[in-house]
Amino acid sequence: MQAIHDLSKEGVREFVQAAAGSRAALAALHPYSPDLKKYWDKFEIPGQEWEPLINLLSERRKKPRKRHSP
């Protein structure tokens, strides 16, 4: 039972660290894409919004130096 508890705790810790890293990466894009702030300026666990974000980032990857308005 303790092993299950430890695994669950470690899983949550890794998720929180990954989420923080993702938010930091998006925040670094702020000078070029201030409209992404809605994705990194919060702590909530993302829901359905990941798919549009991934599509948006994939599209912008084609022109990485283009600036996007808020």
N, C-alpha and C. Protein backbone atom coordinates (compact mmCIF):
# COMPACT_ATOMS: atom_id res chain seq x y z
N MET A 1 0.82 -1.18 0.00
CA MET A 1 0.00 0.00 0.00
C MET A 1 0.87 1.27 0.00
N GLN A 2 1.96 1.25 0.74
CA GLN A 2 2.87 2.39 0.79
C GLN A 2 3.49 2.64 -0.58
N ALA A 3 3.80 1.56 -1.30
CA ALA A 3 4.40 1.71 -2.63
C ALA A 3 3.44 2.43 -3.59
N ILE A 4 2.16 2.09 -3.52
CA ILE A 4 1.16 2.75 -4.37
C ILE A 4 1.07 4.23 -4.01
N HIS A 5 1.09 4.52 -2.73
CA HIS A 5 1.05 5.91 -2.28
C HIS A 5 2.28 6.68 -2.78
N ASP A 6 3.45 6.07 -2.66
CA ASP A 6 4.68 6.72 -3.11
C ASP A 6 4.67 6.95 -4.62
N LEU A 7 4.18 5.97 -5.38
CA LEU A 7 4.11 6.12 -6.83
C LEU A 7 3.14 7.24 -7.21
N SER A 8 2.00 7.31 -6.53
CA SER A 8 1.03 8.36 -6.81
C SER A 8 1.63 9.73 -6.50
N LYS A 9 2.31 9.82 -5.39
CA LYS A 9 2.93 11.08 -4.98
C LYS A 9 4.00 11.50 -5.99
N GLU A 10 4.80 10.56 -6.43
CA GLU A 10 5.84 10.86 -7.42
C GLU A 10 5.22 11.26 -8.75
N GLY A 11 4.14 10.61 -9.14
CA GLY A 11 3.45 10.96 -10.39
C GLY A 11 2.92 12.38 -10.35
N VAL A 12 2.35 12.78 -9.24
CA VAL A 12 1.85 14.15 -9.10
C VAL A 12 3.01 15.13 -9.13
N ARG A 13 4.09 14.81 -8.47
CA ARG A 13 5.27 15.69 -8.46
C ARG A 13 5.81 15.88 -9.87
N GLU A 14 5.92 14.80 -10.63
CA GLU A 14 6.42 14.89 -12.00
C GLU A 14 5.47 15.70 -12.89
N PHE A 15 4.16 15.52 -12.69
CA PHE A 15 3.19 16.27 -13.47
C PHE A 15 3.32 17.77 -13.20
N VAL A 16 3.43 18.13 -11.92
CA VAL A 16 3.54 19.54 -11.55
C VAL A 16 4.83 20.14 -12.13
N GLN A 17 5.92 19.39 -12.09
CA GLN A 17 7.18 19.87 -12.64
C GLN A 17 7.08 20.03 -14.16
N ALA A 18 6.44 19.08 -14.83
CA ALA A 18 6.28 19.17 -16.29
C ALA A 18 5.39 20.34 -16.66
N ALA A 19 4.33 20.55 -15.90
CA ALA A 19 3.43 21.68 -16.16
C ALA A 19 4.16 23.00 -15.98
N ALA A 20 4.98 23.09 -14.94
CA ALA A 20 5.75 24.31 -14.70
C ALA A 20 6.75 24.56 -15.84
N GLY A 21 7.37 23.52 -16.30
CA GLY A 21 8.31 23.65 -17.43
C GLY A 21 7.60 24.09 -18.70
N SER A 22 6.42 23.56 -18.92
CA SER A 22 5.63 23.95 -20.10
C SER A 22 5.22 25.41 -20.03
N ARG A 23 4.77 25.84 -18.86
CA ARG A 23 4.38 27.24 -18.69
C ARG A 23 5.59 28.16 -18.88
N ALA A 24 6.74 27.76 -18.39
CA ALA A 24 7.95 28.58 -18.55
C ALA A 24 8.34 28.69 -20.03
N ALA A 25 8.22 27.60 -20.75
CA ALA A 25 8.55 27.62 -22.18
C ALA A 25 7.59 28.54 -22.94
N LEU A 26 6.31 28.49 -22.61
CA LEU A 26 5.35 29.37 -23.25
C LEU A 26 5.60 30.83 -22.87
N ALA A 27 5.95 31.06 -21.62
CA ALA A 27 6.24 32.43 -21.17
C ALA A 27 7.44 33.00 -21.92
N ALA A 28 8.39 32.16 -22.26
CA ALA A 28 9.57 32.63 -23.00
C ALA A 28 9.19 33.11 -24.41
N LEU A 29 8.06 32.65 -24.91
CA LEU A 29 7.60 33.07 -26.24
C LEU A 29 6.83 34.39 -26.19
N HIS A 30 6.63 34.94 -25.01
CA HIS A 30 5.80 36.13 -24.85
C HIS A 30 6.19 37.30 -25.76
N PRO A 31 7.48 37.60 -25.95
CA PRO A 31 7.82 38.71 -26.84
C PRO A 31 7.32 38.53 -28.28
N TYR A 32 7.20 37.30 -28.72
CA TYR A 32 6.76 37.02 -30.08
C TYR A 32 5.27 36.70 -30.16
N SER A 33 4.73 36.12 -29.11
CA SER A 33 3.33 35.70 -29.11
C SER A 33 2.66 36.03 -27.79
N PRO A 34 2.37 37.30 -27.53
CA PRO A 34 1.75 37.66 -26.26
C PRO A 34 0.36 37.04 -26.09
N ASP A 35 -0.25 36.61 -27.18
CA ASP A 35 -1.56 35.99 -27.08
C ASP A 35 -1.52 34.62 -26.39
N LEU A 36 -0.33 34.07 -26.21
CA LEU A 36 -0.21 32.78 -25.53
C LEU A 36 -0.28 32.90 -24.01
N LYS A 37 -0.33 34.13 -23.52
CA LYS A 37 -0.34 34.34 -22.07
C LYS A 37 -1.46 33.56 -21.39
N LYS A 38 -2.59 33.43 -22.05
CA LYS A 38 -3.72 32.72 -21.43
C LYS A 38 -3.38 31.26 -21.14
N TYR A 39 -2.35 30.74 -21.79
CA TYR A 39 -1.95 29.35 -21.55
C TYR A 39 -0.93 29.20 -20.43
N TRP A 40 -0.10 30.22 -20.19
CA TRP A 40 0.94 30.06 -19.17
C TRP A 40 0.69 30.86 -17.92
N ASP A 41 -0.23 31.79 -17.94
CA ASP A 41 -0.44 32.66 -16.80
C ASP A 41 -1.54 32.13 -15.87
N LYS A 42 -1.47 30.85 -15.57
CA LYS A 42 -2.44 30.23 -14.66
C LYS A 42 -1.87 28.89 -14.19
N PHE A 43 -2.48 28.35 -13.18
CA PHE A 43 -1.99 27.08 -12.64
C PHE A 43 -2.95 25.93 -12.91
N GLU A 44 -4.14 26.21 -13.40
CA GLU A 44 -5.12 25.14 -13.58
C GLU A 44 -4.56 24.02 -14.46
N ILE A 45 -5.04 22.84 -14.21
CA ILE A 45 -4.69 21.70 -15.05
C ILE A 45 -5.41 21.89 -16.38
N PRO A 46 -4.69 21.83 -17.49
CA PRO A 46 -5.31 22.08 -18.79
C PRO A 46 -6.35 21.03 -19.14
N GLY A 47 -7.36 21.45 -19.83
CA GLY A 47 -8.39 20.52 -20.28
C GLY A 47 -8.32 20.37 -21.78
N GLN A 48 -9.38 20.72 -22.45
CA GLN A 48 -9.47 20.59 -23.90
C GLN A 48 -8.62 21.61 -24.63
N GLU A 49 -8.02 22.55 -23.93
CA GLU A 49 -7.29 23.62 -24.61
C GLU A 49 -5.95 23.19 -25.17
N TRP A 50 -5.45 22.02 -24.84
CA TRP A 50 -4.13 21.62 -25.34
C TRP A 50 -4.10 21.42 -26.84
N GLU A 51 -5.14 20.83 -27.38
CA GLU A 51 -5.13 20.57 -28.82
C GLU A 51 -5.06 21.86 -29.65
N PRO A 52 -5.88 22.88 -29.35
CA PRO A 52 -5.72 24.13 -30.10
C PRO A 52 -4.34 24.77 -29.91
N LEU A 53 -3.80 24.66 -28.71
CA LEU A 53 -2.47 25.22 -28.46
C LEU A 53 -1.41 24.51 -29.28
N ILE A 54 -1.47 23.21 -29.32
CA ILE A 54 -0.50 22.44 -30.11
C ILE A 54 -0.62 22.78 -31.58
N ASN A 55 -1.85 22.89 -32.08
CA ASN A 55 -2.05 23.27 -33.48
C ASN A 55 -1.50 24.66 -33.76
N LEU A 56 -1.74 25.60 -32.85
CA LEU A 56 -1.26 26.97 -33.00
C LEU A 56 0.27 27.01 -33.02
N LEU A 57 0.89 26.31 -32.08
CA LEU A 57 2.35 26.29 -32.02
C LEU A 57 2.95 25.62 -33.26
N SER A 58 2.30 24.58 -33.75
CA SER A 58 2.79 23.91 -34.95
C SER A 58 2.73 24.84 -36.15
N GLU A 59 1.67 25.61 -36.26
CA GLU A 59 1.54 26.56 -37.36
C GLU A 59 2.60 27.67 -37.25
N ARG A 60 2.79 28.18 -36.06
CA ARG A 60 3.75 29.27 -35.87
C ARG A 60 5.19 28.81 -36.00
N ARG A 61 5.41 27.55 -35.87
CA ARG A 61 6.76 27.00 -36.00
C ARG A 61 7.32 27.24 -37.41
N LYS A 62 6.41 27.39 -38.37
CA LYS A 62 6.82 27.61 -39.76
C LYS A 62 7.48 28.99 -39.94
N LYS A 63 7.07 29.97 -39.11
CA LYS A 63 7.64 31.32 -39.16
C LYS A 63 7.96 31.76 -37.73
N PRO A 64 9.04 31.22 -37.16
CA PRO A 64 9.31 31.44 -35.74
C PRO A 64 9.62 32.87 -35.34
N ARG A 65 10.04 33.71 -36.25
CA ARG A 65 10.42 35.07 -35.87
C ARG A 65 9.30 36.09 -36.08
N LYS A 66 8.18 35.65 -36.60
CA LYS A 66 7.05 36.55 -36.81
C LYS A 66 6.44 36.90 -35.46
N ARG A 67 6.09 38.16 -35.29
CA ARG A 67 5.46 38.60 -34.04
C ARG A 67 3.95 38.55 -34.22
N HIS A 68 3.27 38.07 -33.19
CA HIS A 68 1.82 37.94 -33.20
C HIS A 68 1.22 38.89 -32.17
N SER A 69 0.15 39.51 -32.53
CA SER A 69 -0.46 40.49 -31.61
C SER A 69 -1.27 39.80 -30.53
N PRO A 70 -1.45 40.49 -29.40
CA PRO A 70 -2.21 39.90 -28.29
C PRO A 70 -3.69 39.78 -28.59
